[in-house]
PDB file of N, CA and C in Angstrom:
ATOM      1  N   MET A   1     -25.358 -67.679 -27.897  1.00  0.00           N
ATOM      2  CA  MET A   1     -25.903 -68.663 -27.041  1.00  0.00           C
ATOM      3  C   MET A   1     -26.316 -69.782 -27.870  1.00  0.00           C
ATOM      4  N   LEU A   2     -26.703 -69.328 -28.949  1.00  0.00           N
ATOM      5  CA  LEU A   2     -27.254 -70.805 -29.200  1.00  0.00           C
ATOM      6  C   LEU A   2     -25.769 -72.288 -29.404  1.00  0.00           C
ATOM      7  N   ALA A   3     -24.885 -71.608 -29.997  1.00  0.00           N
ATOM      8  CA  ALA A   3     -24.164 -72.351 -29.611  1.00  0.00           C
ATOM      9  C   ALA A   3     -23.095 -73.255 -27.966  1.00  0.00           C
ATOM     10  N   ALA A   4     -23.762 -72.285 -27.082  1.00  0.00           N
ATOM     11  CA  ALA A   4     -23.066 -72.596 -25.582  1.00  0.00           C
ATOM     12  C   ALA A   4     -23.900 -73.362 -25.528  1.00  0.00           C
ATOM     13  N   VAL A   5     -25.535 -73.752 -25.661  1.00  0.00           N
ATOM     14  CA  VAL A   5     -26.703 -74.764 -26.082  1.00  0.00           C
ATOM     15  C   VAL A   5     -26.126 -75.944 -26.791  1.00  0.00           C
ATOM     16  N   HIS A   6     -25.259 -75.593 -28.041  1.00  0.00           N
ATOM     17  CA  HIS A   6     -25.342 -76.522 -28.677  1.00  0.00           C
ATOM     18  C   HIS A   6     -24.040 -77.766 -28.084  1.00  0.00           C
ATOM     19  N   THR A   7     -23.930 -76.980 -27.792  1.00  0.00           N
ATOM     20  CA  THR A   7     -22.136 -77.862 -27.095  1.00  0.00           C
ATOM     21  C   THR A   7     -22.640 -78.436 -25.637  1.00  0.00           C
ATOM     22  N   ARG A   8     -23.294 -77.701 -24.985  1.00  0.00           N
ATOM     23  CA  ARG A   8     -24.196 -78.726 -23.677  1.00  0.00           C
ATOM     24  C   ARG A   8     -24.594 -79.793 -24.068  1.00  0.00           C
ATOM     25  N   GLU A   9     -25.436 -79.896 -24.522  1.00  0.00           N
ATOM     26  CA  GLU A   9     -26.544 -81.275 -25.433  1.00  0.00           C
ATOM     27  C   GLU A   9     -25.941 -82.276 -25.190  1.00  0.00           C
ATOM     28  N   PRO A  10     -25.034 -82.609 -25.696  1.00  0.00           N
ATOM     29  CA  PRO A  10     -24.305 -83.774 -26.025  1.00  0.00           C
ATOM     30  C   PRO A  10     -23.408 -84.095 -23.850  1.00  0.00           C
ATOM     31  N   ASP A  11     -23.378 -83.518 -23.576  1.00  0.00           N
ATOM     32  CA  ASP A  11     -22.695 -83.854 -21.954  1.00  0.00           C
ATOM     33  C   ASP A  11     -25.048 -83.839 -20.831  1.00  0.00           C
ATOM     34  N   MET A  12     -25.638 -83.029 -21.762  1.00  0.00           N
ATOM     35  CA  MET A  12     -27.001 -83.045 -21.195  1.00  0.00           C
ATOM     36  C   MET A  12     -27.742 -85.237 -21.528  1.00  0.00           C
ATOM     37  N   TYR A  13     -26.750 -85.361 -23.012  1.00  0.00           N
ATOM     38  CA  TYR A  13     -27.817 -86.535 -23.424  1.00  0.00           C
ATOM     39  C   TYR A  13     -26.351 -87.470 -22.570  1.00  0.00           C
ATOM     40  N   ARG A  14     -25.393 -87.592 -21.968  1.00  0.00           N
ATOM     41  CA  ARG A  14     -24.869 -88.372 -21.184  1.00  0.00           C
ATOM     42  C   ARG A  14     -24.571 -88.095 -20.621  1.00  0.00           C
ATOM     43  N   ASP A  15     -25.323 -87.456 -19.330  1.00  0.00           N
ATOM     44  CA  ASP A  15     -26.071 -87.394 -18.472  1.00  0.00           C
ATOM     45  C   ASP A  15     -27.232 -88.434 -18.214  1.00  0.00           C
ATOM     46  N   GLU A  16     -28.073 -87.906 -19.054  1.00  0.00           N
ATOM     47  CA  GLU A  16     -29.999 -89.388 -18.646  1.00  0.00           C
ATOM     48  C   GLU A  16     -28.654 -90.022 -19.323  1.00  0.00           C
ATOM     49  N   GLU A  17     -28.484 -90.976 -20.233  1.00  0.00           N
ATOM     50  CA  GLU A  17     -27.600 -92.026 -20.521  1.00  0.00           C
ATOM     51  C   GLU A  17     -27.042 -92.650 -18.840  1.00  0.00           C
ATOM     52  N   LEU A  18     -26.228 -91.565 -18.331  1.00  0.00           N
ATOM     53  CA  LEU A  18     -25.983 -92.606 -17.466  1.00  0.00           C
ATOM     54  C   LEU A  18     -26.423 -92.282 -16.088  1.00  0.00           C
ATOM     55  N   ARG A  19     -27.695 -91.544 -16.236  1.00  0.00           N
ATOM     56  CA  ARG A  19     -29.219 -91.371 -15.077  1.00  0.00           C
ATOM     57  C   ARG A  19     -29.808 -92.512 -14.978  1.00  0.00           C
ATOM     58  N   LEU A  20     -30.034 -93.419 -16.253  1.00  0.00           N
ATOM     59  CA  LEU A  20     -30.310 -93.969 -16.905  1.00  0.00           C
ATOM     60  C   LEU A  20     -29.346 -95.848 -16.615  1.00  0.00           C
ATOM     61  N   VAL A  21     -28.422 -95.937 -16.599  1.00  0.00           N
ATOM     62  CA  VAL A  21     -27.832 -96.944 -16.207  1.00  0.00           C
ATOM     63  C   VAL A  21     -27.611 -96.883 -15.289  1.00  0.00           C
ATOM     64  N   VAL A  22     -27.701 -95.966 -14.284  1.00  0.00           N
ATOM     65  CA  VAL A  22     -27.751 -95.866 -12.935  1.00  0.00           C
ATOM     66  C   VAL A  22     -28.954 -96.453 -11.843  1.00  0.00           C
ATOM     67  N   GLU A  23     -29.544 -95.564 -12.633  1.00  0.00           N
ATOM     68  CA  GLU A  23     -31.669 -96.118 -12.487  1.00  0.00           C
ATOM     69  C   GLU A  23     -32.239 -97.678 -12.935  1.00  0.00           C
ATOM     70  N   ASP A  24     -30.885 -98.769 -13.800  1.00  0.00           N
ATOM     71  CA  ASP A  24     -31.160 -99.739 -14.592  1.00  0.00           C
ATOM     72  C   ASP A  24     -29.788-100.603 -13.429  1.00  0.00           C
ATOM     73  N   LEU A  25     -29.188-100.309 -12.755  1.00  0.00           N
ATOM     74  CA  LEU A  25     -28.190-101.096 -11.814  1.00  0.00           C
ATOM     75  C   LEU A  25     -29.132-101.071 -10.322  1.00  0.00           C
ATOM     76  N   VAL A  26     -29.631 -99.790  -9.831  1.00  0.00           N
ATOM     77  CA  VAL A  26     -30.403 -99.822  -9.033  1.00  0.00           C
ATOM     78  C   VAL A  26     -31.590-100.956  -8.946  1.00  0.00           C
ATOM     79  N   ARG A  27     -32.748-100.764 -10.201  1.00  0.00           N
ATOM     80  CA  ARG A  27     -33.074-101.776 -10.085  1.00  0.00           C
ATOM     81  C   ARG A  27     -32.899-103.248 -10.245  1.00  0.00           C
ATOM     82  N   VAL A  28     -31.779-103.732 -10.908  1.00  0.00           N
ATOM     83  CA  VAL A  28     -31.630-104.909 -10.956  1.00  0.00           C
ATOM     84  C   VAL A  28     -30.899-105.011  -9.336  1.00  0.00           C
ATOM     85  N   MET A  29     -30.158-104.251  -8.425  1.00  0.00           N
ATOM     86  CA  MET A  29     -29.987-104.908  -7.157  1.00  0.00           C
ATOM     87  C   MET A  29     -30.639-104.785  -6.007  1.00  0.00           C
ATOM     88  N   HIS A  30     -32.010-103.897  -6.441  1.00  0.00           N
ATOM     89  CA  HIS A  30     -32.835-103.968  -5.551  1.00  0.00           C
ATOM     90  C   HIS A  30     -34.033-104.856  -5.796  1.00  0.00           C
ATOM     91  N   ASP A  31     -34.098-105.676  -6.958  1.00  0.00           N
ATOM     92  CA  ASP A  31     -34.301-107.316  -7.183  1.00  0.00           C
ATOM     93  C   ASP A  31     -34.063-108.047  -6.509  1.00  0.00           C
ATOM     94  N   GLN A  32     -33.096-107.892  -6.552  1.00  0.00           N
ATOM     95  CA  GLN A  32     -32.292-109.233  -5.893  1.00  0.00           C
ATOM     96  C   GLN A  32     -31.339-108.996  -4.116  1.00  0.00           C
ATOM     97  N   THR A  33     -31.663-107.519  -3.870  1.00  0.00           N
ATOM     98  CA  THR A  33     -32.128-107.830  -2.574  1.00  0.00           C
ATOM     99  C   THR A  33     -33.570-108.468  -1.702  1.00  0.00           C
ATOM    100  N   ARG A  34     -34.063-108.128  -2.949  1.00  0.00           N
ATOM    101  CA  ARG A  34     -35.827-108.632  -2.309  1.00  0.00           C
ATOM    102  C   ARG A  34     -35.620-111.110  -3.012  1.00  0.00           C
ATOM    103  N   GLY A  35     -34.984-110.844  -3.614  1.00  0.00           N
ATOM    104  CA  GLY A  35     -34.109-112.612  -3.620  1.00  0.00           C
ATOM    105  C   GLY A  35     -33.448-112.714  -2.251  1.00  0.00           C
ATOM    106  N   LEU A  36     -32.164-111.570  -2.356  1.00  0.00           N
ATOM    107  CA  LEU A  36     -31.664-112.260  -0.881  1.00  0.00           C
ATOM    108  C   LEU A  36     -33.249-112.144   0.344  1.00  0.00           C
ATOM    109  N   GLU A  37     -33.713-111.784   0.541  1.00  0.00           N
ATOM    110  CA  GLU A  37     -34.408-111.583   1.618  1.00  0.00           C
ATOM    111  C   GLU A  37     -35.538-112.394   1.981  1.00  0.00           C
ATOM    112  N   ALA A  38     -35.967-113.070   0.658  1.00  0.00           N
ATOM    113  CA  ALA A  38     -37.161-114.478   0.481  1.00  0.00           C
ATOM    114  C   ALA A  38     -36.055-115.381   0.479  1.00  0.00           C
ATOM    115  N   LEU A  39     -34.610-115.634   0.768  1.00  0.00           N
ATOM    116  CA  LEU A  39     -34.067-117.138   0.587  1.00  0.00           C
ATOM    117  C   LEU A  39     -33.575-116.661   2.485  1.00  0.00           C
ATOM    118  N   VAL A  40     -32.919-115.614   2.925  1.00  0.00           N
ATOM    119  CA  VAL A  40     -33.270-115.500   4.145  1.00  0.00           C
ATOM    120  C   VAL A  40     -34.017-115.495   5.170  1.00  0.00           C
ATOM    121  N   ASP A  41     -35.660-115.410   4.754  1.00  0.00           N
ATOM    122  CA  ASP A  41     -36.516-116.483   5.506  1.00  0.00           C
ATOM    123  C   ASP A  41     -37.097-117.024   5.564  1.00  0.00           C
ATOM    124  N   HIS A  42     -36.576-117.981   4.124  1.00  0.00           N
ATOM    125  CA  HIS A  42     -36.821-118.929   4.079  1.00  0.00           C
ATOM    126  C   HIS A  42     -35.457-120.192   4.692  1.00  0.00           C
ATOM    127  N   LEU A  43     -34.604-119.096   5.022  1.00  0.00           N
ATOM    128  CA  LEU A  43     -32.824-120.216   5.701  1.00  0.00           C
ATOM    129  C   LEU A  43     -34.287-119.876   7.252  1.00  0.00           C
ATOM    130  N   GLY A  44     -34.130-118.720   8.060  1.00  0.00           N
ATOM    131  CA  GLY A  44     -34.898-118.503   9.117  1.00  0.00           C
ATOM    132  C   GLY A  44     -35.787-119.554   9.212  1.00  0.00           C
ATOM    133  N   GLN A  45     -36.543-119.755   8.373  1.00  0.00           N
ATOM    134  CA  GLN A  45     -37.908-120.863   8.600  1.00  0.00           C
ATOM    135  C   GLN A  45     -36.964-122.610   8.958  1.00  0.00           C
ATOM    136  N   ALA A  46     -35.922-122.597   7.769  1.00  0.00           N
ATOM    137  CA  ALA A  46     -35.342-124.311   8.122  1.00  0.00           C
ATOM    138  C   ALA A  46     -34.851-124.295   8.862  1.00  0.00           C
ATOM    139  N   VAL A  47     -33.843-123.711   9.404  1.00  0.00           N
ATOM    140  CA  VAL A  47     -32.980-123.030  10.608  1.00  0.00           C
ATOM    141  C   VAL A  47     -33.514-122.723  12.055  1.00  0.00           C
ATOM    142  N   GLY A  48     -34.338-122.265  11.950  1.00  0.00           N
ATOM    143  CA  GLY A  48     -34.257-121.577  12.525  1.00  0.00           C
ATOM    144  C   GLY A  48     -34.189-119.573  12.383  1.00  0.00           C
ATOM    145  N   ARG A  49     -34.059-119.107  14.003  1.00  0.00           N
ATOM    146  CA  ARG A  49     -33.420-117.248  13.724  1.00  0.00           C
ATOM    147  C   ARG A  49     -32.481-117.505  13.575  1.00  0.00           C
ATOM    148  N   LEU A  50     -32.042-116.259  12.519  1.00  0.00           N
ATOM    149  CA  LEU A  50     -30.518-115.925  11.773  1.00  0.00           C
ATOM    150  C   LEU A  50     -30.271-114.435  12.840  1.00  0.00           C
ATOM    151  N   PRO A  51     -29.185-114.182  12.761  1.00  0.00           N
ATOM    152  CA  PRO A  51     -28.706-113.233  13.135  1.00  0.00           C
ATOM    153  C   PRO A  51     -28.962-111.499  12.280  1.00  0.00           C
ATOM    154  N   ASP A  52     -29.205-110.751  13.379  1.00  0.00           N
ATOM    155  CA  ASP A  52     -29.908-109.371  13.434  1.00  0.00           C
ATOM    156  C   ASP A  52     -28.831-109.027  11.760  1.00  0.00           C
ATOM    157  N   GLY A  53     -27.556-109.464  11.651  1.00  0.00           N
ATOM    158  CA  GLY A  53     -26.991-109.080  10.337  1.00  0.00           C
ATOM    159  C   GLY A  53     -27.425-109.579   9.298  1.00  0.00           C
ATOM    160  N   SER A  54     -28.678-109.844   9.090  1.00  0.00           N
ATOM    161  CA  SER A  54     -29.950-110.688   8.028  1.00  0.00           C
ATOM    162  C   SER A  54     -30.257-109.690   7.403  1.00  0.00           C
ATOM    163  N   ASP A  55     -30.530-108.659   8.343  1.00  0.00           N
ATOM    164  CA  ASP A  55     -31.506-107.619   8.050  1.00  0.00           C
ATOM    165  C   ASP A  55     -30.522-106.370   6.656  1.00  0.00           C
ATOM    166  N   LEU A  56     -32.125-106.318   5.631  1.00  0.00           N
ATOM    167  CA  LEU A  56     -31.108-105.686   4.495  1.00  0.00           C
ATOM    168  C   LEU A  56     -31.971-104.846   4.092  1.00  0.00           C
ATOM    169  N   SER A  57     -32.783-104.453   5.500  1.00  0.00           N
ATOM    170  CA  SER A  57     -33.372-103.347   4.880  1.00  0.00           C
ATOM    171  C   SER A  57     -32.884-101.705   5.220  1.00  0.00           C
ATOM    172  N   VAL A  58     -31.647-101.820   5.485  1.00  0.00           N
ATOM    173  CA  VAL A  58     -30.569-100.831   5.166  1.00  0.00           C
ATOM    174  C   VAL A  58     -29.694-100.834   3.010  1.00  0.00           C
ATOM    175  N   VAL A  59     -29.649-102.227   3.356  1.00  0.00           N
ATOM    176  CA  VAL A  59     -29.745-102.082   1.761  1.00  0.00           C
ATOM    177  C   VAL A  59     -30.679-101.461   0.434  1.00  0.00           C
ATOM    178  N   ARG A  60     -31.731-101.244   1.210  1.00  0.00           N
ATOM    179  CA  ARG A  60     -33.039-101.314   0.482  1.00  0.00           C
ATOM    180  C   ARG A  60     -32.849-100.139   0.507  1.00  0.00           C
ATOM    181  N   SER A  61     -32.718 -98.752   1.908  1.00  0.00           N
ATOM    182  CA  SER A  61     -32.966 -98.157   1.976  1.00  0.00           C
ATOM    183  C   SER A  61     -31.760 -97.415   1.329  1.00  0.00           C
ATOM    184  N   GLU A  62     -30.374 -97.904   1.541  1.00  0.00           N
ATOM    185  CA  GLU A  62     -29.645 -97.249   0.711  1.00  0.00           C
ATOM    186  C   GLU A  62     -29.296 -97.652  -1.167  1.00  0.00           C
ATOM    187  N   LEU A  63     -30.173 -97.541  -1.419  1.00  0.00           N
ATOM    188  CA  LEU A  63     -30.476 -98.406  -2.714  1.00  0.00           C
ATOM    189  C   LEU A  63     -31.338 -97.438  -3.383  1.00  0.00           C
ATOM    190  N   ALA A  64     -32.855 -96.601  -2.924  1.00  0.00           N
ATOM    191  CA  ALA A  64     -33.779 -95.881  -3.103  1.00  0.00           C
ATOM    192  C   ALA A  64     -33.232 -94.909  -2.435  1.00  0.00           C
ATOM    193  N   ALA A  65     -31.686 -94.152  -2.185  1.00  0.00           N
ATOM    194  CA  ALA A  65     -31.194 -93.176  -1.666  1.00  0.00           C
ATOM    195  C   ALA A  65     -30.586 -92.907  -3.797  1.00  0.00           C
ATOM    196  N   LEU A  66     -30.427 -94.262  -3.758  1.00  0.00           N
ATOM    197  CA  LEU A  66     -29.089 -94.044  -5.109  1.00  0.00           C
ATOM    198  C   LEU A  66     -30.659 -93.933  -6.632  1.00  0.00           C
ATOM    199  N   HIS A  67     -31.626 -94.061  -6.381  1.00  0.00           N
ATOM    200  CA  HIS A  67     -32.448 -94.413  -7.370  1.00  0.00           C
ATOM    201  C   HIS A  67     -32.602 -92.982  -7.024  1.00  0.00           C
ATOM    202  N   VAL A  68     -32.565 -91.901  -6.286  1.00  0.00           N
ATOM    203  CA  VAL A  68     -33.461 -90.250  -6.240  1.00  0.00           C
ATOM    204  C   VAL A  68     -32.169 -89.668  -6.466  1.00  0.00           C
ATOM    205  N   ARG A  69     -30.706 -90.103  -6.070  1.00  0.00           N
ATOM    206  CA  ARG A  69     -29.678 -89.559  -6.663  1.00  0.00           C
ATOM    207  C   ARG A  69     -29.532 -89.083  -7.787  1.00  0.00           C
ATOM    208  N   ALA A  70     -29.796 -90.821  -8.285  1.00  0.00           N
ATOM    209  CA  ALA A  70     -29.103 -90.710  -9.780  1.00  0.00           C
ATOM    210  C   ALA A  70     -31.354 -89.720 -10.702  1.00  0.00           C
ATOM    211  N   LYS A  71     -32.204 -90.301 -10.680  1.00  0.00           N
ATOM    212  CA  LYS A  71     -32.897 -88.542 -11.200  1.00  0.00           C
ATOM    213  C   LYS A  71     -32.386 -87.843 -11.007  1.00  0.00           C
ATOM    214  N   ARG A  72     -31.674 -87.339  -9.760  1.00  0.00           N
ATOM    215  CA  ARG A  72     -31.538 -85.848  -9.476  1.00  0.00           C
ATOM    216  C   ARG A  72     -30.618 -85.307 -11.153  1.00  0.00           C
ATOM    217  N   LEU A  73     -29.573 -86.088 -10.827  1.00  0.00           N
ATOM    218  CA  LEU A  73     -28.388 -86.025 -12.606  1.00  0.00           C
ATOM    219  C   LEU A  73     -29.660 -85.235 -13.243  1.00  0.00           C
ATOM    220  N   VAL A  74     -30.255 -85.527 -13.692  1.00  0.00           N
ATOM    221  CA  VAL A  74     -30.788 -84.837 -15.005  1.00  0.00           C
ATOM    222  C   VAL A  74     -31.252 -83.978 -14.890  1.00  0.00           C
ATOM    223  N   THR A  75     -31.916 -83.617 -13.940  1.00  0.00           N
ATOM    224  CA  THR A  75     -33.218 -82.589 -13.556  1.00  0.00           C
ATOM    225  C   THR A  75     -31.389 -81.548 -12.936  1.00  0.00           C
ATOM    226  N   ALA A  76     -30.134 -81.733 -12.542  1.00  0.00           N
ATOM    227  CA  ALA A  76     -29.533 -80.674 -12.411  1.00  0.00           C
ATOM    228  C   ALA A  76     -28.778 -80.285 -13.969  1.00  0.00           C
ATOM    229  N   ALA A  77     -28.269 -81.668 -15.008  1.00  0.00           N
ATOM    230  CA  ALA A  77     -28.305 -81.013 -16.661  1.00  0.00           C
ATOM    231  C   ALA A  77     -28.752 -79.932 -17.101  1.00  0.00           C
ATOM    232  N   HIS A  78     -30.543 -80.675 -16.774  1.00  0.00           N
ATOM    233  CA  HIS A  78     -31.161 -79.213 -17.244  1.00  0.00           C
ATOM    234  C   HIS A  78     -31.196 -77.906 -16.715  1.00  0.00           C
ATOM    235  N   GLN A  79     -31.433 -77.827 -15.200  1.00  0.00           N
ATOM    236  CA  GLN A  79     -31.167 -76.602 -14.997  1.00  0.00           C
ATOM    237  C   GLN A  79     -29.393 -75.817 -15.466  1.00  0.00           C
ATOM    238  N   ARG A  80     -28.797 -76.330 -16.049  1.00  0.00           N
ATOM    239  CA  ARG A  80     -27.552 -75.865 -16.782  1.00  0.00           C
ATOM    240  C   ARG A  80     -27.775 -75.563 -18.254  1.00  0.00           C
ATOM    241  N   VAL A  81     -28.751 -75.882 -18.277  1.00  0.00           N
ATOM    242  CA  VAL A  81     -28.418 -75.367 -20.063  1.00  0.00           C
ATOM    243  C   VAL A  81     -30.196 -74.369 -20.082  1.00  0.00           C
TER     244      VAL A  81
END
């Protein structure tokens, strides 16, 4: 049994590293989305109302879902061990 746990440890660490990378990417993308929203608001004030296609709430929602999925990666890896 110890050998089985030992062989799974590298996978667990890789899963954790992958989760951290994904979380970092999601955080950066979320920050970029916030910046885009500020830019869209500024442009909207300068040129008038922009089309509804400029709404980034869907992007924020999808990034939040990705963040949750990334956290579940490690939880699943820990449950396998």
